[in-house]
Amino acid sequence: MVGDAITSLIAYTDDVLIFGCDHEIWMMRGDPMAGGNLDVVTKAIGIHWGEAYDMDPFGTIYFLSNRAGIFS
C-alpha cells in the first residue's frame, strides 16, 4: 500500500504505473486484479504536485521533485 499522499500518476507503459507521492515514488507492475506488484522506487524523494514530469523518446522520465530540483 502506498503510504504517502499521491501527487501525480505517470502511465509509463501498459503494465507500469508510477505513483509520484509527496515524499516517495512507487511503481505498480502488472494487473492489480491479477496479483500485480506494488514496489517502492525510493523513499528519499517525491514528485511535485500535478503534471511535473515529462518523458523523452527513449523512455527516461524527468520530473520536478518536492525538493526543488529536476531529476530523471
PDB file of N, CA and C in Angstrom:
ATOM      1  N   MET A   1       0.838  -1.170   0.000  1.00  0.00           N
ATOM      2  CA  MET A   1       0.000   0.000   0.000  1.00  0.00           C
ATOM      3  C   MET A   1       0.892   1.245   0.000  1.00  0.00           C
ATOM      4  N   VAL A   2       0.549   2.181  -0.878  1.00  0.00           N
ATOM      5  CA  VAL A   2       1.277   3.446  -0.917  1.00  0.00           C
ATOM      6  C   VAL A   2       0.963   4.204   0.365  1.00  0.00           C
ATOM      7  N   GLY A   3       2.006   4.577   1.100  1.00  0.00           N
ATOM      8  CA  GLY A   3       1.804   5.166   2.414  1.00  0.00           C
ATOM      9  C   GLY A   3       2.000   6.669   2.480  1.00  0.00           C
ATOM     10  N   ASP A   4       1.905   7.349   1.340  1.00  0.00           N
ATOM     11  CA  ASP A   4       2.125   8.787   1.313  1.00  0.00           C
ATOM     12  C   ASP A   4       1.062   9.421   0.415  1.00  0.00           C
ATOM     13  N   ALA A   5       0.911  10.728   0.486  1.00  0.00           N
ATOM     14  CA  ALA A   5      -0.071  11.437  -0.343  1.00  0.00           C
ATOM     15  C   ALA A   5       0.371  11.387  -1.803  1.00  0.00           C
ATOM     16  N   ILE A   6      -0.486  10.869  -2.678  1.00  0.00           N
ATOM     17  CA  ILE A   6      -0.176  10.756  -4.100  1.00  0.00           C
ATOM     18  C   ILE A   6      -0.347  12.127  -4.747  1.00  0.00           C
ATOM     19  N   THR A   7       0.716  12.586  -5.429  1.00  0.00           N
ATOM     20  CA  THR A   7       0.702  13.902  -6.065  1.00  0.00           C
ATOM     21  C   THR A   7       0.619  13.820  -7.580  1.00  0.00           C
ATOM     22  N   SER A   8       1.002  12.678  -8.182  1.00  0.00           N
ATOM     23  CA  SER A   8       0.908  12.519  -9.631  1.00  0.00           C
ATOM     24  C   SER A   8       0.907  11.042  -9.995  1.00  0.00           C
ATOM     25  N   LEU A   9       0.288  10.744 -11.129  1.00  0.00           N
ATOM     26  CA  LEU A   9       0.273   9.394 -11.687  1.00  0.00           C
ATOM     27  C   LEU A   9       0.923   9.454 -13.064  1.00  0.00           C
ATOM     28  N   ILE A  10       1.869   8.542 -13.316  1.00  0.00           N
ATOM     29  CA  ILE A  10       2.577   8.516 -14.583  1.00  0.00           C
ATOM     30  C   ILE A  10       2.356   7.154 -15.220  1.00  0.00           C
ATOM     31  N   ALA A  11       1.651   7.115 -16.342  1.00  0.00           N
ATOM     32  CA  ALA A  11       1.458   5.871 -17.086  1.00  0.00           C
ATOM     33  C   ALA A  11       2.707   5.644 -17.933  1.00  0.00           C
ATOM     34  N   TYR A  12       3.625   4.832 -17.421  1.00  0.00           N
ATOM     35  CA  TYR A  12       4.908   4.621 -18.097  1.00  0.00           C
ATOM     36  C   TYR A  12       4.741   3.705 -19.297  1.00  0.00           C
ATOM     37  N   THR A  13       4.141   2.542 -19.091  1.00  0.00           N
ATOM     38  CA  THR A  13       3.801   1.606 -20.168  1.00  0.00           C
ATOM     39  C   THR A  13       2.414   1.049 -19.871  1.00  0.00           C
ATOM     40  N   ASP A  14       1.967   0.099 -20.703  1.00  0.00           N
ATOM     41  CA  ASP A  14       0.677  -0.543 -20.456  1.00  0.00           C
ATOM     42  C   ASP A  14       0.664  -1.333 -19.156  1.00  0.00           C
ATOM     43  N   ASP A  15       1.837  -1.769 -18.698  1.00  0.00           N
ATOM     44  CA  ASP A  15       1.933  -2.601 -17.500  1.00  0.00           C
ATOM     45  C   ASP A  15       2.582  -1.912 -16.313  1.00  0.00           C
ATOM     46  N   VAL A  16       2.991  -0.652 -16.462  1.00  0.00           N
ATOM     47  CA  VAL A  16       3.678   0.045 -15.373  1.00  0.00           C
ATOM     48  C   VAL A  16       3.013   1.395 -15.131  1.00  0.00           C
ATOM     49  N   LEU A  17       2.615   1.624 -13.871  1.00  0.00           N
ATOM     50  CA  LEU A  17       2.061   2.898 -13.432  1.00  0.00           C
ATOM     51  C   LEU A  17       2.926   3.398 -12.286  1.00  0.00           C
ATOM     52  N   ILE A  18       3.402   4.630 -12.403  1.00  0.00           N
ATOM     53  CA  ILE A  18       4.256   5.214 -11.372  1.00  0.00           C
ATOM     54  C   ILE A  18       3.427   6.182 -10.542  1.00  0.00           C
ATOM     55  N   PHE A  19       3.507   6.008  -9.222  1.00  0.00           N
ATOM     56  CA  PHE A  19       2.833   6.892  -8.278  1.00  0.00           C
ATOM     57  C   PHE A  19       3.872   7.874  -7.740  1.00  0.00           C
ATOM     58  N   GLY A  20       3.739   9.135  -8.115  1.00  0.00           N
ATOM     59  CA  GLY A  20       4.583  10.164  -7.524  1.00  0.00           C
ATOM     60  C   GLY A  20       3.903  10.635  -6.255  1.00  0.00           C
ATOM     61  N   CYS A  21       4.569  10.510  -5.150  1.00  0.00           N
ATOM     62  CA  CYS A  21       3.999  10.907  -3.859  1.00  0.00           C
ATOM     63  C   CYS A  21       4.732  12.128  -3.331  1.00  0.00           C
ATOM     64  N   ASP A  22       4.258  12.635  -2.213  1.00  0.00           N
ATOM     65  CA  ASP A  22       4.842  13.832  -1.622  1.00  0.00           C
ATOM     66  C   ASP A  22       6.301  13.616  -1.222  1.00  0.00           C
ATOM     67  N   HIS A  23       6.628  12.446  -0.676  1.00  0.00           N
ATOM     68  CA  HIS A  23       7.994  12.171  -0.227  1.00  0.00           C
ATOM     69  C   HIS A  23       8.527  10.833  -0.716  1.00  0.00           C
ATOM     70  N   GLU A  24       7.798  10.142  -1.604  1.00  0.00           N
ATOM     71  CA  GLU A  24       8.187   8.811  -2.078  1.00  0.00           C
ATOM     72  C   GLU A  24       7.787   8.651  -3.541  1.00  0.00           C
ATOM     73  N   ILE A  25       8.344   7.603  -4.177  1.00  0.00           N
ATOM     74  CA  ILE A  25       7.926   7.203  -5.520  1.00  0.00           C
ATOM     75  C   ILE A  25       7.686   5.698  -5.495  1.00  0.00           C
ATOM     76  N   TRP A  26       6.517   5.285  -5.984  1.00  0.00           N
ATOM     77  CA  TRP A  26       6.135   3.881  -6.035  1.00  0.00           C
ATOM     78  C   TRP A  26       5.840   3.475  -7.476  1.00  0.00           C
ATOM     79  N   MET A  27       5.915   2.168  -7.768  1.00  0.00           N
ATOM     80  CA  MET A  27       5.651   1.656  -9.099  1.00  0.00           C
ATOM     81  C   MET A  27       4.759   0.413  -8.998  1.00  0.00           C
ATOM     82  N   MET A  28       3.684   0.393  -9.775  1.00  0.00           N
ATOM     83  CA  MET A  28       2.816  -0.782  -9.852  1.00  0.00           C
ATOM     84  C   MET A  28       3.051  -1.451 -11.198  1.00  0.00           C
ATOM     85  N   ARG A  29       3.382  -2.738 -11.151  1.00  0.00           N
ATOM     86  CA  ARG A  29       3.613  -3.518 -12.363  1.00  0.00           C
ATOM     87  C   ARG A  29       2.549  -4.589 -12.486  1.00  0.00           C
ATOM     88  N   GLY A  30       2.022  -4.751 -13.695  1.00  0.00           N
ATOM     89  CA  GLY A  30       1.037  -5.788 -13.947  1.00  0.00           C
ATOM     90  C   GLY A  30      -0.372  -5.340 -13.585  1.00  0.00           C
ATOM     91  N   ASP A  31      -1.296  -6.274 -13.681  1.00  0.00           N
ATOM     92  CA  ASP A  31      -2.708  -6.026 -13.403  1.00  0.00           C
ATOM     93  C   ASP A  31      -2.959  -6.182 -11.905  1.00  0.00           C
ATOM     94  N   PRO A  32      -3.432  -5.131 -11.221  1.00  0.00           N
ATOM     95  CA  PRO A  32      -3.660  -5.247  -9.781  1.00  0.00           C
ATOM     96  C   PRO A  32      -4.734  -6.270  -9.422  1.00  0.00           C
ATOM     97  N   MET A  33      -5.680  -6.523 -10.325  1.00  0.00           N
ATOM     98  CA  MET A  33      -6.725  -7.518 -10.053  1.00  0.00           C
ATOM     99  C   MET A  33      -6.216  -8.945 -10.249  1.00  0.00           C
ATOM    100  N   ALA A  34      -5.049  -9.094 -10.896  1.00  0.00           N
ATOM    101  CA  ALA A  34      -4.476 -10.413 -11.128  1.00  0.00           C
ATOM    102  C   ALA A  34      -3.188 -10.605 -10.335  1.00  0.00           C
ATOM    103  N   GLY A  35      -3.036  -9.862  -9.239  1.00  0.00           N
ATOM    104  CA  GLY A  35      -1.866 -10.045  -8.381  1.00  0.00           C
ATOM    105  C   GLY A  35      -0.659  -9.236  -8.807  1.00  0.00           C
ATOM    106  N   GLY A  36      -0.856  -8.053  -9.399  1.00  0.00           N
ATOM    107  CA  GLY A  36       0.260  -7.198  -9.793  1.00  0.00           C
ATOM    108  C   GLY A  36       1.107  -6.789  -8.595  1.00  0.00           C
ATOM    109  N   ASN A  37       2.298  -6.298  -8.880  1.00  0.00           N
ATOM    110  CA  ASN A  37       3.239  -5.921  -7.823  1.00  0.00           C
ATOM    111  C   ASN A  37       3.237  -4.425  -7.588  1.00  0.00           C
ATOM    112  N   LEU A  38       3.330  -4.018  -6.340  1.00  0.00           N
ATOM    113  CA  LEU A  38       3.488  -2.621  -5.947  1.00  0.00           C
ATOM    114  C   LEU A  38       4.813  -2.518  -5.212  1.00  0.00           C
ATOM    115  N   ASP A  39       5.761  -1.800  -5.816  1.00  0.00           N
ATOM    116  CA  ASP A  39       7.109  -1.719  -5.263  1.00  0.00           C
ATOM    117  C   ASP A  39       7.492  -0.269  -5.011  1.00  0.00           C
ATOM    118  N   VAL A  40       8.265  -0.053  -3.950  1.00  0.00           N
ATOM    119  CA  VAL A  40       8.786   1.280  -3.681  1.00  0.00           C
ATOM    120  C   VAL A  40      10.003   1.512  -4.571  1.00  0.00           C
ATOM    121  N   VAL A  41      10.060   2.665  -5.226  1.00  0.00           N
ATOM    122  CA  VAL A  41      11.221   3.041  -6.033  1.00  0.00           C
ATOM    123  C   VAL A  41      12.216   3.787  -5.146  1.00  0.00           C
ATOM    124  N   THR A  42      11.719   4.772  -4.403  1.00  0.00           N
ATOM    125  CA  THR A  42      12.550   5.500  -3.456  1.00  0.00           C
ATOM    126  C   THR A  42      11.679   6.126  -2.371  1.00  0.00           C
ATOM    127  N   LYS A  43      12.227   6.207  -1.182  1.00  0.00           N
ATOM    128  CA  LYS A  43      11.573   6.916  -0.087  1.00  0.00           C
ATOM    129  C   LYS A  43      12.354   8.169   0.268  1.00  0.00           C
ATOM    130  N   ALA A  44      13.309   8.544  -0.585  1.00  0.00           N
ATOM    131  CA  ALA A  44      14.160   9.696  -0.317  1.00  0.00           C
ATOM    132  C   ALA A  44      13.694  10.966  -1.011  1.00  0.00           C
ATOM    133  N   ILE A  45      12.851  10.827  -2.039  1.00  0.00           N
ATOM    134  CA  ILE A  45      12.436  11.999  -2.809  1.00  0.00           C
ATOM    135  C   ILE A  45      11.059  11.757  -3.392  1.00  0.00           C
ATOM    136  N   GLY A  46      10.294  12.823  -3.551  1.00  0.00           N
ATOM    137  CA  GLY A  46       8.963  12.720  -4.133  1.00  0.00           C
ATOM    138  C   GLY A  46       8.841  13.559  -5.391  1.00  0.00           C
ATOM    139  N   ILE A  47       7.646  13.554  -5.981  1.00  0.00           N
ATOM    140  CA  ILE A  47       7.378  14.319  -7.194  1.00  0.00           C
ATOM    141  C   ILE A  47       6.405  15.436  -6.851  1.00  0.00           C
ATOM    142  N   HIS A  48       6.705  16.601  -7.371  1.00  0.00           N
ATOM    143  CA  HIS A  48       5.863  17.774  -7.143  1.00  0.00           C
ATOM    144  C   HIS A  48       4.450  17.506  -7.624  1.00  0.00           C
ATOM    145  N   TRP A  49       3.480  18.241  -7.106  1.00  0.00           N
ATOM    146  CA  TRP A  49       2.076  18.050  -7.407  1.00  0.00           C
ATOM    147  C   TRP A  49       1.767  18.336  -8.881  1.00  0.00           C
ATOM    148  N   GLY A  50       0.846  17.576  -9.464  1.00  0.00           N
ATOM    149  CA  GLY A  50       0.358  17.827 -10.827  1.00  0.00           C
ATOM    150  C   GLY A  50       1.210  17.176 -11.891  1.00  0.00           C
ATOM    151  N   GLU A  51       1.220  17.788 -13.058  1.00  0.00           N
ATOM    152  CA  GLU A  51       1.983  17.251 -14.190  1.00  0.00           C
ATOM    153  C   GLU A  51       3.386  17.836 -14.195  1.00  0.00           C
ATOM    154  N   ALA A  52       4.148  17.461 -13.205  1.00  0.00           N
ATOM    155  CA  ALA A  52       5.508  17.968 -13.032  1.00  0.00           C
ATOM    156  C   ALA A  52       6.526  17.000 -13.619  1.00  0.00           C
ATOM    157  N   TYR A  53       6.173  16.347 -14.720  1.00  0.00           N
ATOM    158  CA  TYR A  53       7.055  15.357 -15.331  1.00  0.00           C
ATOM    159  C   TYR A  53       6.902  15.386 -16.851  1.00  0.00           C
ATOM    160  N   ASP A  54       7.879  14.785 -17.529  1.00  0.00           N
ATOM    161  CA  ASP A  54       7.823  14.592 -18.968  1.00  0.00           C
ATOM    162  C   ASP A  54       8.695  13.382 -19.287  1.00  0.00           C
ATOM    163  N   MET A  55       8.479  12.790 -20.461  1.00  0.00           N
ATOM    164  CA  MET A  55       9.227  11.609 -20.867  1.00  0.00           C
ATOM    165  C   MET A  55       9.851  11.867 -22.236  1.00  0.00           C
ATOM    166  N   ASP A  56      11.122  11.522 -22.398  1.00  0.00           N
ATOM    167  CA  ASP A  56      11.774  11.691 -23.688  1.00  0.00           C
ATOM    168  C   ASP A  56      11.496  10.470 -24.573  1.00  0.00           C
ATOM    169  N   PRO A  57      11.896  10.492 -25.846  1.00  0.00           N
ATOM    170  CA  PRO A  57      11.616   9.376 -26.751  1.00  0.00           C
ATOM    171  C   PRO A  57      12.268   8.059 -26.348  1.00  0.00           C
ATOM    172  N   PHE A  58      13.249   8.105 -25.453  1.00  0.00           N
ATOM    173  CA  PHE A  58      13.944   6.893 -25.019  1.00  0.00           C
ATOM    174  C   PHE A  58      13.335   6.279 -23.769  1.00  0.00           C
ATOM    175  N   GLY A  59      12.298   6.923 -23.198  1.00  0.00           N
ATOM    176  CA  GLY A  59      11.622   6.386 -22.024  1.00  0.00           C
ATOM    177  C   GLY A  59      12.128   6.922 -20.699  1.00  0.00           C
ATOM    178  N   THR A  60      13.047   7.878 -20.726  1.00  0.00           N
ATOM    179  CA  THR A  60      13.532   8.489 -19.494  1.00  0.00           C
ATOM    180  C   THR A  60      12.518   9.513 -19.013  1.00  0.00           C
ATOM    181  N   ILE A  61      12.155   9.422 -17.745  1.00  0.00           N
ATOM    182  CA  ILE A  61      11.206  10.365 -17.151  1.00  0.00           C
ATOM    183  C   ILE A  61      11.986  11.448 -16.419  1.00  0.00           C
ATOM    184  N   TYR A  62      11.655  12.694 -16.691  1.00  0.00           N
ATOM    185  CA  TYR A  62      12.218  13.853 -15.999  1.00  0.00           C
ATOM    186  C   TYR A  62      11.112  14.444 -15.146  1.00  0.00           C
ATOM    187  N   PHE A  63      11.426  14.767 -13.894  1.00  0.00           N
ATOM    188  CA  PHE A  63      10.381  15.288 -13.014  1.00  0.00           C
ATOM    189  C   PHE A  63      10.924  16.347 -12.074  1.00  0.00           C
ATOM    190  N   LEU A  64      10.041  17.232 -11.679  1.00  0.00           N
ATOM    191  CA  LEU A  64      10.338  18.249 -10.681  1.00  0.00           C
ATOM    192  C   LEU A  64      10.072  17.620  -9.320  1.00  0.00           C
ATOM    193  N   SER A  65      11.067  17.632  -8.475  1.00  0.00           N
ATOM    194  CA  SER A  65      10.945  16.975  -7.171  1.00  0.00           C
ATOM    195  C   SER A  65      10.312  17.897  -6.151  1.00  0.00           C
ATOM    196  N   ASN A  66       9.983  17.317  -5.032  1.00  0.00           N
ATOM    197  CA  ASN A  66       9.469  18.092  -3.905  1.00  0.00           C
ATOM    198  C   ASN A  66      10.571  18.880  -3.218  1.00  0.00           C
ATOM    199  N   ARG A  67      11.807  18.650  -3.606  1.00  0.00           N
ATOM    200  CA  ARG A  67      12.956  19.349  -3.013  1.00  0.00           C
ATOM    201  C   ARG A  67      13.531  20.402  -3.958  1.00  0.00           C
ATOM    202  N   ALA A  68      12.721  20.850  -4.936  1.00  0.00           N
ATOM    203  CA  ALA A  68      13.070  21.936  -5.853  1.00  0.00           C
ATOM    204  C   ALA A  68      14.257  21.602  -6.744  1.00  0.00           C
ATOM    205  N   GLY A  69      14.227  20.457  -7.354  1.00  0.00           N
ATOM    206  CA  GLY A  69      15.247  20.072  -8.315  1.00  0.00           C
ATOM    207  C   GLY A  69      14.627  19.258  -9.427  1.00  0.00           C
ATOM    208  N   ILE A  70      15.330  19.124 -10.540  1.00  0.00           N
ATOM    209  CA  ILE A  70      14.865  18.296 -11.655  1.00  0.00           C
ATOM    210  C   ILE A  70      15.686  17.015 -11.653  1.00  0.00           C
ATOM    211  N   PHE A  71      14.989  15.892 -11.691  1.00  0.00           N
ATOM    212  CA  PHE A  71      15.615  14.577 -11.632  1.00  0.00           C
ATOM    213  C   PHE A  71      15.157  13.730 -12.809  1.00  0.00           C
ATOM    214  N   SER A  72      15.874  12.648 -13.067  1.00  0.00           N
ATOM    215  CA  SER A  72      15.451  11.688 -14.095  1.00  0.00           C
ATOM    216  C   SER A  72      15.519  10.283 -13.527  1.00  0.00           C
TER     217      SER A  72
END
